[in-house]
Amino acid sequence: MSPINFDIMAAKNPEFGRTWSRLSEWFDRYPQLKYVDLRRLSRELSDIPTEELALTMQILVQQGYLRPVYRVESPDGILIDQDFASPSEVPERMPDRFHSGYFYTSEGDIIPGFRVEKVGA
């Protein structure tokens, strides 16, 4: 079950009713989700306008359900499981996925996303 009460969100912001419903379905599909990759979310909810999705995600941040974070995608396309509060906190080098070596973060991408908080569970 999702830590986010989408019924309350829909009652407070009814203009986004369809988006809340789609987000609720999406979060229910991934009950153990701790990180929301915006690229994946946008791809899987491609029927929702990007601006509307962005506005609803911002509302979830304001309500304390999500926290904006940044992750690094390694040069080989692996999203490293470490959150940073801002891009400026990303170190120059990071261990790869299996900690068998290091890569320069300038060779990868910084990916914005959200950390799922347990407020309102």
PDB file of N, CA and C in Angstrom:
ATOM      1  N   MET A   1       0.847  -1.188   0.000  1.00  0.00           N
ATOM      2  CA  MET A   1       0.000   0.000   0.000  1.00  0.00           C
ATOM      3  C   MET A   1       0.892   1.250   0.000  1.00  0.00           C
ATOM      4  N   SER A   2       0.457   2.208  -0.754  1.00  0.00           N
ATOM      5  CA  SER A   2       1.226   3.435  -0.902  1.00  0.00           C
ATOM      6  C   SER A   2       1.213   4.262   0.383  1.00  0.00           C
ATOM      7  N   PRO A   3       2.334   4.934   0.689  1.00  0.00           N
ATOM      8  CA  PRO A   3       2.358   5.827   1.854  1.00  0.00           C
ATOM      9  C   PRO A   3       1.595   7.129   1.592  1.00  0.00           C
ATOM     10  N   ILE A   4       1.139   7.304   0.361  1.00  0.00           N
ATOM     11  CA  ILE A   4       0.451   8.543  -0.023  1.00  0.00           C
ATOM     12  C   ILE A   4      -1.052   8.293  -0.101  1.00  0.00           C
ATOM     13  N   ASN A   5      -1.810   9.122   0.582  1.00  0.00           N
ATOM     14  CA  ASN A   5      -3.268   9.023   0.510  1.00  0.00           C
ATOM     15  C   ASN A   5      -3.750   9.882  -0.656  1.00  0.00           C
ATOM     16  N   PHE A   6      -3.935   9.238  -1.796  1.00  0.00           N
ATOM     17  CA  PHE A   6      -4.320   9.967  -3.001  1.00  0.00           C
ATOM     18  C   PHE A   6      -5.765  10.455  -2.957  1.00  0.00           C
ATOM     19  N   ASP A   7      -6.608   9.837  -2.131  1.00  0.00           N
ATOM     20  CA  ASP A   7      -7.986  10.328  -1.986  1.00  0.00           C
ATOM     21  C   ASP A   7      -7.979  11.723  -1.358  1.00  0.00           C
ATOM     22  N   ILE A   8      -7.119  11.913  -0.364  1.00  0.00           N
ATOM     23  CA  ILE A   8      -7.001  13.233   0.264  1.00  0.00           C
ATOM     24  C   ILE A   8      -6.438  14.233  -0.731  1.00  0.00           C
ATOM     25  N   MET A   9      -5.442  13.812  -1.507  1.00  0.00           N
ATOM     26  CA  MET A   9      -4.843  14.708  -2.490  1.00  0.00           C
ATOM     27  C   MET A   9      -5.880  15.126  -3.536  1.00  0.00           C
ATOM     28  N   ALA A  10      -6.723  14.183  -3.960  1.00  0.00           N
ATOM     29  CA  ALA A  10      -7.757  14.479  -4.955  1.00  0.00           C
ATOM     30  C   ALA A  10      -8.823  15.412  -4.381  1.00  0.00           C
ATOM     31  N   ALA A  11      -9.125  15.252  -3.093  1.00  0.00           N
ATOM     32  CA  ALA A  11     -10.113  16.127  -2.460  1.00  0.00           C
ATOM     33  C   ALA A  11      -9.578  17.559  -2.338  1.00  0.00           C
ATOM     34  N   LYS A  12      -8.284  17.688  -2.045  1.00  0.00           N
ATOM     35  CA  LYS A  12      -7.669  19.011  -1.898  1.00  0.00           C
ATOM     36  C   LYS A  12      -7.414  19.679  -3.249  1.00  0.00           C
ATOM     37  N   ASN A  13      -7.153  18.882  -4.272  1.00  0.00           N
ATOM     38  CA  ASN A  13      -6.800  19.394  -5.599  1.00  0.00           C
ATOM     39  C   ASN A  13      -7.593  18.636  -6.672  1.00  0.00           C
ATOM     40  N   PRO A  14      -8.908  18.834  -6.710  1.00  0.00           N
ATOM     41  CA  PRO A  14      -9.745  18.052  -7.621  1.00  0.00           C
ATOM     42  C   PRO A  14      -9.463  18.293  -9.109  1.00  0.00           C
ATOM     43  N   GLU A  15      -8.844  19.401  -9.437  1.00  0.00           N
ATOM     44  CA  GLU A  15      -8.542  19.687 -10.841  1.00  0.00           C
ATOM     45  C   GLU A  15      -7.558  18.670 -11.437  1.00  0.00           C
ATOM     46  N   PHE A  16      -6.875  17.902 -10.571  1.00  0.00           N
ATOM     47  CA  PHE A  16      -5.927  16.893 -11.022  1.00  0.00           C
ATOM     48  C   PHE A  16      -6.447  15.479 -10.761  1.00  0.00           C
ATOM     49  N   GLY A  17      -7.760  15.323 -10.717  1.00  0.00           N
ATOM     50  CA  GLY A  17      -8.373  14.050 -10.356  1.00  0.00           C
ATOM     51  C   GLY A  17      -7.841  12.854 -11.118  1.00  0.00           C
ATOM     52  N   ARG A  18      -7.776  12.959 -12.429  1.00  0.00           N
ATOM     53  CA  ARG A  18      -7.296  11.843 -13.244  1.00  0.00           C
ATOM     54  C   ARG A  18      -5.825  11.540 -12.947  1.00  0.00           C
ATOM     55  N   THR A  19      -5.036  12.565 -12.757  1.00  0.00           N
ATOM     56  CA  THR A  19      -3.618  12.366 -12.466  1.00  0.00           C
ATOM     57  C   THR A  19      -3.431  11.688 -11.115  1.00  0.00           C
ATOM     58  N   TRP A  20      -4.203  12.105 -10.105  1.00  0.00           N
ATOM     59  CA  TRP A  20      -4.106  11.451  -8.794  1.00  0.00           C
ATOM     60  C   TRP A  20      -4.460   9.974  -8.918  1.00  0.00           C
ATOM     61  N   SER A  21      -5.484   9.685  -9.701  1.00  0.00           N
ATOM     62  CA  SER A  21      -5.901   8.293  -9.886  1.00  0.00           C
ATOM     63  C   SER A  21      -4.798   7.471 -10.552  1.00  0.00           C
ATOM     64  N   ARG A  22      -4.183   8.011 -11.590  1.00  0.00           N
ATOM     65  CA  ARG A  22      -3.099   7.305 -12.282  1.00  0.00           C
ATOM     66  C   ARG A  22      -1.868   7.154 -11.387  1.00  0.00           C
ATOM     67  N   LEU A  23      -1.555   8.199 -10.615  1.00  0.00           N
ATOM     68  CA  LEU A  23      -0.430   8.097  -9.679  1.00  0.00           C
ATOM     69  C   LEU A  23      -0.707   7.043  -8.608  1.00  0.00           C
ATOM     70  N   SER A  24      -1.923   6.989  -8.116  1.00  0.00           N
ATOM     71  CA  SER A  24      -2.295   5.988  -7.117  1.00  0.00           C
ATOM     72  C   SER A  24      -2.101   4.583  -7.670  1.00  0.00           C
ATOM     73  N   GLU A  25      -2.557   4.352  -8.894  1.00  0.00           N
ATOM     74  CA  GLU A  25      -2.369   3.044  -9.539  1.00  0.00           C
ATOM     75  C   GLU A  25      -0.883   2.727  -9.678  1.00  0.00           C
ATOM     76  N   TRP A  26      -0.107   3.723 -10.089  1.00  0.00           N
ATOM     77  CA  TRP A  26       1.320   3.508 -10.304  1.00  0.00           C
ATOM     78  C   TRP A  26       2.031   3.158  -8.996  1.00  0.00           C
ATOM     79  N   PHE A  27       1.759   3.921  -7.936  1.00  0.00           N
ATOM     80  CA  PHE A  27       2.393   3.634  -6.646  1.00  0.00           C
ATOM     81  C   PHE A  27       1.931   2.283  -6.091  1.00  0.00           C
ATOM     82  N   ASP A  28       0.687   1.899  -6.345  1.00  0.00           N
ATOM     83  CA  ASP A  28       0.194   0.592  -5.896  1.00  0.00           C
ATOM     84  C   ASP A  28       0.915  -0.556  -6.602  1.00  0.00           C
ATOM     85  N   ARG A  29       1.346  -0.316  -7.843  1.00  0.00           N
ATOM     86  CA  ARG A  29       2.098  -1.344  -8.578  1.00  0.00           C
ATOM     87  C   ARG A  29       3.487  -1.560  -7.991  1.00  0.00           C
ATOM     88  N   TYR A  30       3.999  -0.562  -7.292  1.00  0.00           N
ATOM     89  CA  TYR A  30       5.354  -0.626  -6.734  1.00  0.00           C
ATOM     90  C   TYR A  30       5.303  -0.320  -5.236  1.00  0.00           C
ATOM     91  N   PRO A  31       4.737  -1.214  -4.436  1.00  0.00           N
ATOM     92  CA  PRO A  31       4.514  -0.910  -3.012  1.00  0.00           C
ATOM     93  C   PRO A  31       5.793  -0.723  -2.190  1.00  0.00           C
ATOM     94  N   GLN A  32       6.905  -1.256  -2.626  1.00  0.00           N
ATOM     95  CA  GLN A  32       8.161  -1.132  -1.884  1.00  0.00           C
ATOM     96  C   GLN A  32       9.023   0.024  -2.393  1.00  0.00           C
ATOM     97  N   LEU A  33       8.478   0.820  -3.288  1.00  0.00           N
ATOM     98  CA  LEU A  33       9.221   1.899  -3.923  1.00  0.00           C
ATOM     99  C   LEU A  33       9.728   2.915  -2.907  1.00  0.00           C
ATOM    100  N   LYS A  34      11.015   3.246  -3.016  1.00  0.00           N
ATOM    101  CA  LYS A  34      11.611   4.249  -2.139  1.00  0.00           C
ATOM    102  C   LYS A  34      12.139   5.442  -2.929  1.00  0.00           C
ATOM    103  N   TYR A  35      12.325   5.247  -4.241  1.00  0.00           N
ATOM    104  CA  TYR A  35      12.848   6.308  -5.105  1.00  0.00           C
ATOM    105  C   TYR A  35      12.006   6.366  -6.375  1.00  0.00           C
ATOM    106  N   VAL A  36      11.601   7.568  -6.761  1.00  0.00           N
ATOM    107  CA  VAL A  36      10.835   7.765  -7.984  1.00  0.00           C
ATOM    108  C   VAL A  36      11.762   8.370  -9.038  1.00  0.00           C
ATOM    109  N   ASP A  37      12.049   7.593 -10.065  1.00  0.00           N
ATOM    110  CA  ASP A  37      12.828   8.067 -11.205  1.00  0.00           C
ATOM    111  C   ASP A  37      11.838   8.768 -12.136  1.00  0.00           C
ATOM    112  N   LEU A  38      11.995  10.071 -12.298  1.00  0.00           N
ATOM    113  CA  LEU A  38      11.052  10.847 -13.105  1.00  0.00           C
ATOM    114  C   LEU A  38      10.978  10.369 -14.549  1.00  0.00           C
ATOM    115  N   ARG A  39      12.065   9.880 -15.073  1.00  0.00           N
ATOM    116  CA  ARG A  39      12.059   9.383 -16.455  1.00  0.00           C
ATOM    117  C   ARG A  39      11.131   8.188 -16.580  1.00  0.00           C
ATOM    118  N   ARG A  40      11.237   7.281 -15.633  1.00  0.00           N
ATOM    119  CA  ARG A  40      10.396   6.082 -15.635  1.00  0.00           C
ATOM    120  C   ARG A  40       8.935   6.441 -15.404  1.00  0.00           C
ATOM    121  N   LEU A  41       8.693   7.313 -14.422  1.00  0.00           N
ATOM    122  CA  LEU A  41       7.321   7.734 -14.118  1.00  0.00           C
ATOM    123  C   LEU A  41       6.679   8.374 -15.344  1.00  0.00           C
ATOM    124  N   SER A  42       7.374   9.279 -15.972  1.00  0.00           N
ATOM    125  CA  SER A  42       6.846   9.967 -17.145  1.00  0.00           C
ATOM    126  C   SER A  42       6.580   8.994 -18.291  1.00  0.00           C
ATOM    127  N   ARG A  43       7.464   8.052 -18.470  1.00  0.00           N
ATOM    128  CA  ARG A  43       7.305   7.053 -19.534  1.00  0.00           C
ATOM    129  C   ARG A  43       6.098   6.165 -19.260  1.00  0.00           C
ATOM    130  N   GLU A  44       5.945   5.727 -18.010  1.00  0.00           N
ATOM    131  CA  GLU A  44       4.858   4.817 -17.671  1.00  0.00           C
ATOM    132  C   GLU A  44       3.509   5.518 -17.556  1.00  0.00           C
ATOM    133  N   LEU A  45       3.526   6.831 -17.330  1.00  0.00           N
ATOM    134  CA  LEU A  45       2.282   7.608 -17.292  1.00  0.00           C
ATOM    135  C   LEU A  45       2.256   8.589 -18.466  1.00  0.00           C
ATOM    136  N   SER A  46       2.583   8.088 -19.628  1.00  0.00           N
ATOM    137  CA  SER A  46       2.694   8.949 -20.813  1.00  0.00           C
ATOM    138  C   SER A  46       1.356   9.575 -21.220  1.00  0.00           C
ATOM    139  N   ASP A  47       0.238   9.064 -20.711  1.00  0.00           N
ATOM    140  CA  ASP A  47      -1.070   9.642 -21.008  1.00  0.00           C
ATOM    141  C   ASP A  47      -1.363  10.895 -20.179  1.00  0.00           C
ATOM    142  N   ILE A  48      -0.514  11.197 -19.206  1.00  0.00           N
ATOM    143  CA  ILE A  48      -0.677  12.387 -18.355  1.00  0.00           C
ATOM    144  C   ILE A  48       0.219  13.498 -18.909  1.00  0.00           C
ATOM    145  N   PRO A  49      -0.336  14.691 -19.131  1.00  0.00           N
ATOM    146  CA  PRO A  49       0.508  15.794 -19.618  1.00  0.00           C
ATOM    147  C   PRO A  49       1.668  16.071 -18.655  1.00  0.00           C
ATOM    148  N   THR A  50       2.838  16.320 -19.209  1.00  0.00           N
ATOM    149  CA  THR A  50       4.052  16.532 -18.422  1.00  0.00           C
ATOM    150  C   THR A  50       3.887  17.642 -17.391  1.00  0.00           C
ATOM    151  N   GLU A  51       3.279  18.750 -17.794  1.00  0.00           N
ATOM    152  CA  GLU A  51       3.090  19.872 -16.860  1.00  0.00           C
ATOM    153  C   GLU A  51       2.213  19.478 -15.685  1.00  0.00           C
ATOM    154  N   GLU A  52       1.162  18.725 -15.953  1.00  0.00           N
ATOM    155  CA  GLU A  52       0.266  18.299 -14.884  1.00  0.00           C
ATOM    156  C   GLU A  52       0.966  17.321 -13.936  1.00  0.00           C
ATOM    157  N   LEU A  53       1.750  16.433 -14.494  1.00  0.00           N
ATOM    158  CA  LEU A  53       2.504  15.497 -13.668  1.00  0.00           C
ATOM    159  C   LEU A  53       3.489  16.263 -12.783  1.00  0.00           C
ATOM    160  N   ALA A  54       4.155  17.251 -13.353  1.00  0.00           N
ATOM    161  CA  ALA A  54       5.109  18.065 -12.588  1.00  0.00           C
ATOM    162  C   ALA A  54       4.403  18.820 -11.459  1.00  0.00           C
ATOM    163  N   LEU A  55       3.246  19.380 -11.735  1.00  0.00           N
ATOM    164  CA  LEU A  55       2.504  20.112 -10.703  1.00  0.00           C
ATOM    165  C   LEU A  55       2.065  19.195  -9.564  1.00  0.00           C
ATOM    166  N   THR A  56       1.583  18.012  -9.895  1.00  0.00           N
ATOM    167  CA  THR A  56       1.143  17.098  -8.835  1.00  0.00           C
ATOM    168  C   THR A  56       2.325  16.586  -8.011  1.00  0.00           C
ATOM    169  N   MET A  57       3.463  16.376  -8.664  1.00  0.00           N
ATOM    170  CA  MET A  57       4.645  15.946  -7.913  1.00  0.00           C
ATOM    171  C   MET A  57       5.091  17.055  -6.963  1.00  0.00           C
ATOM    172  N   GLN A  58       4.998  18.301  -7.400  1.00  0.00           N
ATOM    173  CA  GLN A  58       5.355  19.433  -6.536  1.00  0.00           C
ATOM    174  C   GLN A  58       4.410  19.507  -5.334  1.00  0.00           C
ATOM    175  N   ILE A  59       3.133  19.249  -5.556  1.00  0.00           N
ATOM    176  CA  ILE A  59       2.170  19.233  -4.438  1.00  0.00           C
ATOM    177  C   ILE A  59       2.545  18.134  -3.445  1.00  0.00           C
ATOM    178  N   LEU A  60       2.947  16.979  -3.949  1.00  0.00           N
ATOM    179  CA  LEU A  60       3.355  15.881  -3.058  1.00  0.00           C
ATOM    180  C   LEU A  60       4.600  16.249  -2.250  1.00  0.00           C
ATOM    181  N   VAL A  61       5.490  17.022  -2.847  1.00  0.00           N
ATOM    182  CA  VAL A  61       6.661  17.514  -2.116  1.00  0.00           C
ATOM    183  C   VAL A  61       6.210  18.474  -1.021  1.00  0.00           C
ATOM    184  N   GLN A  62       5.348  19.403  -1.365  1.00  0.00           N
ATOM    185  CA  GLN A  62       4.856  20.390  -0.390  1.00  0.00           C
ATOM    186  C   GLN A  62       4.129  19.729   0.774  1.00  0.00           C
ATOM    187  N   GLN A  63       3.470  18.610   0.521  1.00  0.00           N
ATOM    188  CA  GLN A  63       2.734  17.898   1.567  1.00  0.00           C
ATOM    189  C   GLN A  63       3.624  16.951   2.373  1.00  0.00           C
ATOM    190  N   GLY A  64       4.889  16.830   1.988  1.00  0.00           N
ATOM    191  CA  GLY A  64       5.828  16.005   2.745  1.00  0.00           C
ATOM    192  C   GLY A  64       5.842  14.535   2.355  1.00  0.00           C
ATOM    193  N   TYR A  65       5.165  14.172   1.270  1.00  0.00           N
ATOM    194  CA  TYR A  65       5.161  12.779   0.825  1.00  0.00           C
ATOM    195  C   TYR A  65       6.423  12.419   0.047  1.00  0.00           C
ATOM    196  N   LEU A  66       6.987  13.402  -0.639  1.00  0.00           N
ATOM    197  CA  LEU A  66       8.188  13.185  -1.444  1.00  0.00           C
ATOM    198  C   LEU A  66       9.238  14.228  -1.094  1.00  0.00           C
ATOM    199  N   ARG A  67      10.504  13.841  -1.296  1.00  0.00           N
ATOM    200  CA  ARG A  67      11.617  14.766  -1.099  1.00  0.00           C
ATOM    201  C   ARG A  67      12.465  14.747  -2.366  1.00  0.00           C
ATOM    202  N   PRO A  68      12.713  15.921  -2.959  1.00  0.00           N
ATOM    203  CA  PRO A  68      13.546  15.942  -4.167  1.00  0.00           C
ATOM    204  C   PRO A  68      14.976  15.492  -3.852  1.00  0.00           C
ATOM    205  N   VAL A  69      15.501  14.635  -4.698  1.00  0.00           N
ATOM    206  CA  VAL A  69      16.881  14.153  -4.561  1.00  0.00           C
ATOM    207  C   VAL A  69      17.478  13.996  -5.957  1.00  0.00           C
ATOM    208  N   TYR A  70      18.782  13.785  -5.972  1.00  0.00           N
ATOM    209  CA  TYR A  70      19.502  13.566  -7.221  1.00  0.00           C
ATOM    210  C   TYR A  70      20.301  12.288  -7.087  1.00  0.00           C
ATOM    211  N   ARG A  71      20.375  11.548  -8.177  1.00  0.00           N
ATOM    212  CA  ARG A  71      21.200  10.349  -8.239  1.00  0.00           C
ATOM    213  C   ARG A  71      22.101  10.450  -9.460  1.00  0.00           C
ATOM    214  N   VAL A  72      23.121   9.620  -9.472  1.00  0.00           N
ATOM    215  CA  VAL A  72      24.065   9.614 -10.585  1.00  0.00           C
ATOM    216  C   VAL A  72      23.856   8.347 -11.400  1.00  0.00           C
ATOM    217  N   GLU A  73      23.797   8.542 -12.704  1.00  0.00           N
ATOM    218  CA  GLU A  73      23.756   7.409 -13.618  1.00  0.00           C
ATOM    219  C   GLU A  73      25.171   7.204 -14.136  1.00  0.00           C
ATOM    220  N   SER A  74      25.694   6.010 -13.954  1.00  0.00           N
ATOM    221  CA  SER A  74      27.068   5.722 -14.370  1.00  0.00           C
ATOM    222  C   SER A  74      27.186   5.770 -15.895  1.00  0.00           C
ATOM    223  N   PRO A  75      28.408   5.841 -16.404  1.00  0.00           N
ATOM    224  CA  PRO A  75      28.597   5.888 -17.861  1.00  0.00           C
ATOM    225  C   PRO A  75      27.985   4.681 -18.591  1.00  0.00           C
ATOM    226  N   ASP A  76      27.843   3.559 -17.881  1.00  0.00           N
ATOM    227  CA  ASP A  76      27.240   2.385 -18.525  1.00  0.00           C
ATOM    228  C   ASP A  76      25.721   2.310 -18.323  1.00  0.00           C
ATOM    229  N   GLY A  77      25.119   3.421 -17.833  1.00  0.00           N
ATOM    230  CA  GLY A  77      23.666   3.510 -17.760  1.00  0.00           C
ATOM    231  C   GLY A  77      23.014   2.964 -16.498  1.00  0.00           C
ATOM    232  N   ILE A  78      23.793   2.697 -15.472  1.00  0.00           N
ATOM    233  CA  ILE A  78      23.256   2.174 -14.212  1.00  0.00           C
ATOM    234  C   ILE A  78      23.016   3.334 -13.253  1.00  0.00           C
ATOM    235  N   LEU A  79      21.810   3.409 -12.702  1.00  0.00           N
ATOM    236  CA  LEU A  79      21.479   4.444 -11.726  1.00  0.00           C
ATOM    237  C   LEU A  79      21.995   3.995 -10.359  1.00  0.00           C
ATOM    238  N   ILE A  80      22.957   4.740  -9.820  1.00  0.00           N
ATOM    239  CA  ILE A  80      23.589   4.388  -8.548  1.00  0.00           C
ATOM    240  C   ILE A  80      22.644   4.729  -7.398  1.00  0.00           C
ATOM    241  N   ASP A  81      22.503   3.801  -6.474  1.00  0.00           N
ATOM    242  CA  ASP A  81      21.549   3.905  -5.370  1.00  0.00           C
ATOM    243  C   ASP A  81      22.117   4.739  -4.215  1.00  0.00           C
ATOM    244  N   GLN A  82      22.295   6.025  -4.477  1.00  0.00           N
ATOM    245  CA  GLN A  82      22.739   6.966  -3.450  1.00  0.00           C
ATOM    246  C   GLN A  82      22.105   8.314  -3.753  1.00  0.00           C
ATOM    247  N   ASP A  83      21.430   8.883  -2.755  1.00  0.00           N
ATOM    248  CA  ASP A  83      20.726  10.151  -2.937  1.00  0.00           C
ATOM    249  C   ASP A  83      21.582  11.333  -2.501  1.00  0.00           C
ATOM    250  N   PHE A  84      21.420  12.440  -3.224  1.00  0.00           N
ATOM    251  CA  PHE A  84      22.073  13.701  -2.892  1.00  0.00           C
ATOM    252  C   PHE A  84      21.009  14.789  -2.869  1.00  0.00           C
ATOM    253  N   ALA A  85      21.126  15.721  -1.934  1.00  0.00           N
ATOM    254  CA  ALA A  85      20.147  16.800  -1.797  1.00  0.00           C
ATOM    255  C   ALA A  85      20.248  17.820  -2.925  1.00  0.00           C
ATOM    256  N   SER A  86      21.429  17.941  -3.527  1.00  0.00           N
ATOM    257  CA  SER A  86      21.599  18.867  -4.639  1.00  0.00           C
ATOM    258  C   SER A  86      22.701  18.335  -5.555  1.00  0.00           C
ATOM    259  N   PRO A  87      22.722  18.766  -6.800  1.00  0.00           N
ATOM    260  CA  PRO A  87      23.790  18.325  -7.714  1.00  0.00           C
ATOM    261  C   PRO A  87      25.177  18.717  -7.228  1.00  0.00           C
ATOM    262  N   SER A  88      25.269  19.812  -6.475  1.00  0.00           N
ATOM    263  CA  SER A  88      26.587  20.249  -5.993  1.00  0.00           C
ATOM    264  C   SER A  88      27.176  19.302  -4.951  1.00  0.00           C
ATOM    265  N   GLU A  89      26.362  18.434  -4.365  1.00  0.00           N
ATOM    266  CA  GLU A  89      26.843  17.457  -3.378  1.00  0.00           C
ATOM    267  C   GLU A  89      27.415  16.191  -4.017  1.00  0.00           C
ATOM    268  N   VAL A  90      27.217  16.024  -5.312  1.00  0.00           N
ATOM    269  CA  VAL A  90      27.705  14.828  -5.996  1.00  0.00           C
ATOM    270  C   VAL A  90      29.231  14.875  -6.036  1.00  0.00           C
ATOM    271  N   PRO A  91      29.887  13.822  -5.557  1.00  0.00           N
ATOM    272  CA  PRO A  91      31.353  13.827  -5.551  1.00  0.00           C
ATOM    273  C   PRO A  91      31.925  13.683  -6.963  1.00  0.00           C
ATOM    274  N   GLU A  92      33.197  13.969  -7.083  1.00  0.00           N
ATOM    275  CA  GLU A  92      33.872  13.888  -8.378  1.00  0.00           C
ATOM    276  C   GLU A  92      33.961  12.445  -8.883  1.00  0.00           C
ATOM    277  N   ARG A  93      34.119  11.515  -7.944  1.00  0.00           N
ATOM    278  CA  ARG A  93      34.196  10.086  -8.286  1.00  0.00           C
ATOM    279  C   ARG A  93      33.261   9.305  -7.390  1.00  0.00           C
ATOM    280  N   MET A  94      32.722   8.220  -7.928  1.00  0.00           N
ATOM    281  CA  MET A  94      31.835   7.352  -7.157  1.00  0.00           C
ATOM    282  C   MET A  94      32.146   5.895  -7.467  1.00  0.00           C
ATOM    283  N   PRO A  95      31.862   5.015  -6.507  1.00  0.00           N
ATOM    284  CA  PRO A  95      32.028   3.589  -6.796  1.00  0.00           C
ATOM    285  C   PRO A  95      30.949   3.134  -7.778  1.00  0.00           C
ATOM    286  N   ASP A  96      31.311   2.162  -8.606  1.00  0.00           N
ATOM    287  CA  ASP A  96      30.322   1.634  -9.536  1.00  0.00           C
ATOM    288  C   ASP A  96      29.308   0.768  -8.794  1.00  0.00           C
ATOM    289  N   ARG A  97      28.394   0.193  -9.523  1.00  0.00           N
ATOM    290  CA  ARG A  97      27.270  -0.550  -8.941  1.00  0.00           C
ATOM    291  C   ARG A  97      27.696  -1.634  -7.942  1.00  0.00           C
ATOM    292  N   PHE A  98      28.754  -2.347  -8.269  1.00  0.00           N
ATOM    293  CA  PHE A  98      29.189  -3.448  -7.411  1.00  0.00           C
ATOM    294  C   PHE A  98      30.404  -3.094  -6.562  1.00  0.00           C
ATOM    295  N   HIS A  99      30.748  -1.806  -6.520  1.00  0.00           N
ATOM    296  CA  HIS A  99      31.882  -1.318  -5.742  1.00  0.00           C
ATOM    297  C   HIS A  99      33.184  -2.012  -6.130  1.00  0.00           C
ATOM    298  N   SER A 100      33.269  -2.392  -7.404  1.00  0.00           N
ATOM    299  CA  SER A 100      34.489  -3.044  -7.878  1.00  0.00           C
ATOM    300  C   SER A 100      35.456  -2.047  -8.519  1.00  0.00           C
ATOM    301  N   GLY A 101      35.005  -0.817  -8.679  1.00  0.00           N
ATOM    302  CA  GLY A 101      35.827   0.228  -9.259  1.00  0.00           C
ATOM    303  C   GLY A 101      35.137   1.569  -9.090  1.00  0.00           C
ATOM    304  N   TYR A 102      35.765   2.590  -9.627  1.00  0.00           N
ATOM    305  CA  TYR A 102      35.214   3.946  -9.529  1.00  0.00           C
ATOM    306  C   TYR A 102      35.054   4.534 -10.919  1.00  0.00           C
ATOM    307  N   PHE A 103      34.174   5.514 -11.027  1.00  0.00           N
ATOM    308  CA  PHE A 103      34.030   6.259 -12.266  1.00  0.00           C
ATOM    309  C   PHE A 103      33.934   7.738 -11.930  1.00  0.00           C
ATOM    310  N   TYR A 104      34.305   8.567 -12.889  1.00  0.00           N
ATOM    311  CA  TYR A 104      34.163  10.015 -12.724  1.00  0.00           C
ATOM    312  C   TYR A 104      32.715  10.383 -13.006  1.00  0.00           C
ATOM    313  N   THR A 105      32.110  11.071 -12.064  1.00  0.00           N
ATOM    314  CA  THR A 105      30.691  11.409 -12.220  1.00  0.00           C
ATOM    315  C   THR A 105      30.460  12.345 -13.401  1.00  0.00           C
ATOM    316  N   SER A 106      31.484  13.063 -13.827  1.00  0.00           N
ATOM    317  CA  SER A 106      31.346  13.915 -15.008  1.00  0.00           C
ATOM    318  C   SER A 106      31.122  13.087 -16.275  1.00  0.00           C
ATOM    319  N   GLU A 107      31.428  11.790 -16.219  1.00  0.00           N
ATOM    320  CA  GLU A 107      31.222  10.894 -17.352  1.00  0.00           C
ATOM    321  C   GLU A 107      29.826  10.283 -17.349  1.00  0.00           C
ATOM    322  N   GLY A 108      29.070  10.515 -16.272  1.00  0.00           N
ATOM    323  CA  GLY A 108      27.708  10.014 -16.170  1.00  0.00           C
ATOM    324  C   GLY A 108      26.724  11.170 -16.234  1.00  0.00           C
ATOM    325  N   ASP A 109      25.516  10.933 -15.793  1.00  0.00           N
ATOM    326  CA  ASP A 109      24.488  11.973 -15.759  1.00  0.00           C
ATOM    327  C   ASP A 109      23.943  12.108 -14.348  1.00  0.00           C
ATOM    328  N   ILE A 110      23.553  13.321 -13.986  1.00  0.00           N
ATOM    329  CA  ILE A 110      22.867  13.558 -12.720  1.00  0.00           C
ATOM    330  C   ILE A 110      21.371  13.531 -13.025  1.00  0.00           C
ATOM    331  N   ILE A 111      20.663  12.670 -12.305  1.00  0.00           N
ATOM    332  CA  ILE A 111      19.248  12.415 -12.583  1.00  0.00           C
ATOM    333  C   ILE A 111      18.391  12.916 -11.419  1.00  0.00           C
ATOM    334  N   PRO A 112      17.450  13.843 -11.693  1.00  0.00           N
ATOM    335  CA  PRO A 112      16.546  14.285 -10.627  1.00  0.00           C
ATOM    336  C   PRO A 112      15.460  13.242 -10.379  1.00  0.00           C
ATOM    337  N   GLY A 113      15.052  13.150  -9.138  1.00  0.00           N
ATOM    338  CA  GLY A 113      13.987  12.224  -8.759  1.00  0.00           C
ATOM    339  C   GLY A 113      13.443  12.597  -7.404  1.00  0.00           C
ATOM    340  N   PHE A 114      12.752  11.661  -6.780  1.00  0.00           N
ATOM    341  CA  PHE A 114      12.146  11.913  -5.474  1.00  0.00           C
ATOM    342  C   PHE A 114      12.341  10.715  -4.566  1.00  0.00           C
ATOM    343  N   ARG A 115      12.599  11.001  -3.326  1.00  0.00           N
ATOM    344  CA  ARG A 115      12.643   9.996  -2.271  1.00  0.00           C
ATOM    345  C   ARG A 115      11.262   9.940  -1.652  1.00  0.00           C
ATOM    346  N   VAL A 116      10.694   8.737  -1.544  1.00  0.00           N
ATOM    347  CA  VAL A 116       9.369   8.573  -0.955  1.00  0.00           C
ATOM    348  C   VAL A 116       9.508   8.613   0.554  1.00  0.00           C
ATOM    349  N   GLU A 117       8.779   9.535   1.169  1.00  0.00           N
ATOM    350  CA  GLU A 117       8.786   9.668   2.626  1.00  0.00           C
ATOM    351  C   GLU A 117       7.591   8.893   3.190  1.00  0.00           C
ATOM    352  N   LYS A 118       7.623   8.552   4.448  1.00  0.00           N
ATOM    353  CA  LYS A 118       6.549   7.766   5.053  1.00  0.00           C
ATOM    354  C   LYS A 118       5.537   8.614   5.797  1.00  0.00           C
ATOM    355  N   VAL A 119       5.533   9.900   5.532  1.00  0.00           N
ATOM    356  CA  VAL A 119       4.573  10.807   6.175  1.00  0.00           C
ATOM    357  C   VAL A 119       3.177  10.469   5.687  1.00  0.00           C
ATOM    358  N   GLY A 120       2.229  10.391   6.588  1.00  0.00           N
ATOM    359  CA  GLY A 120       0.833  10.175   6.193  1.00  0.00           C
ATOM    360  C   GLY A 120       0.515   8.745   5.836  1.00  0.00           C
ATOM    361  N   ALA A 121       1.373   7.806   6.214  1.00  0.00           N
ATOM    362  CA  ALA A 121       1.134   6.404   5.867  1.00  0.00           C
ATOM    363  C   ALA A 121      -0.055   5.859   6.633  1.00  0.00           C
TER     364      ALA A 121
END
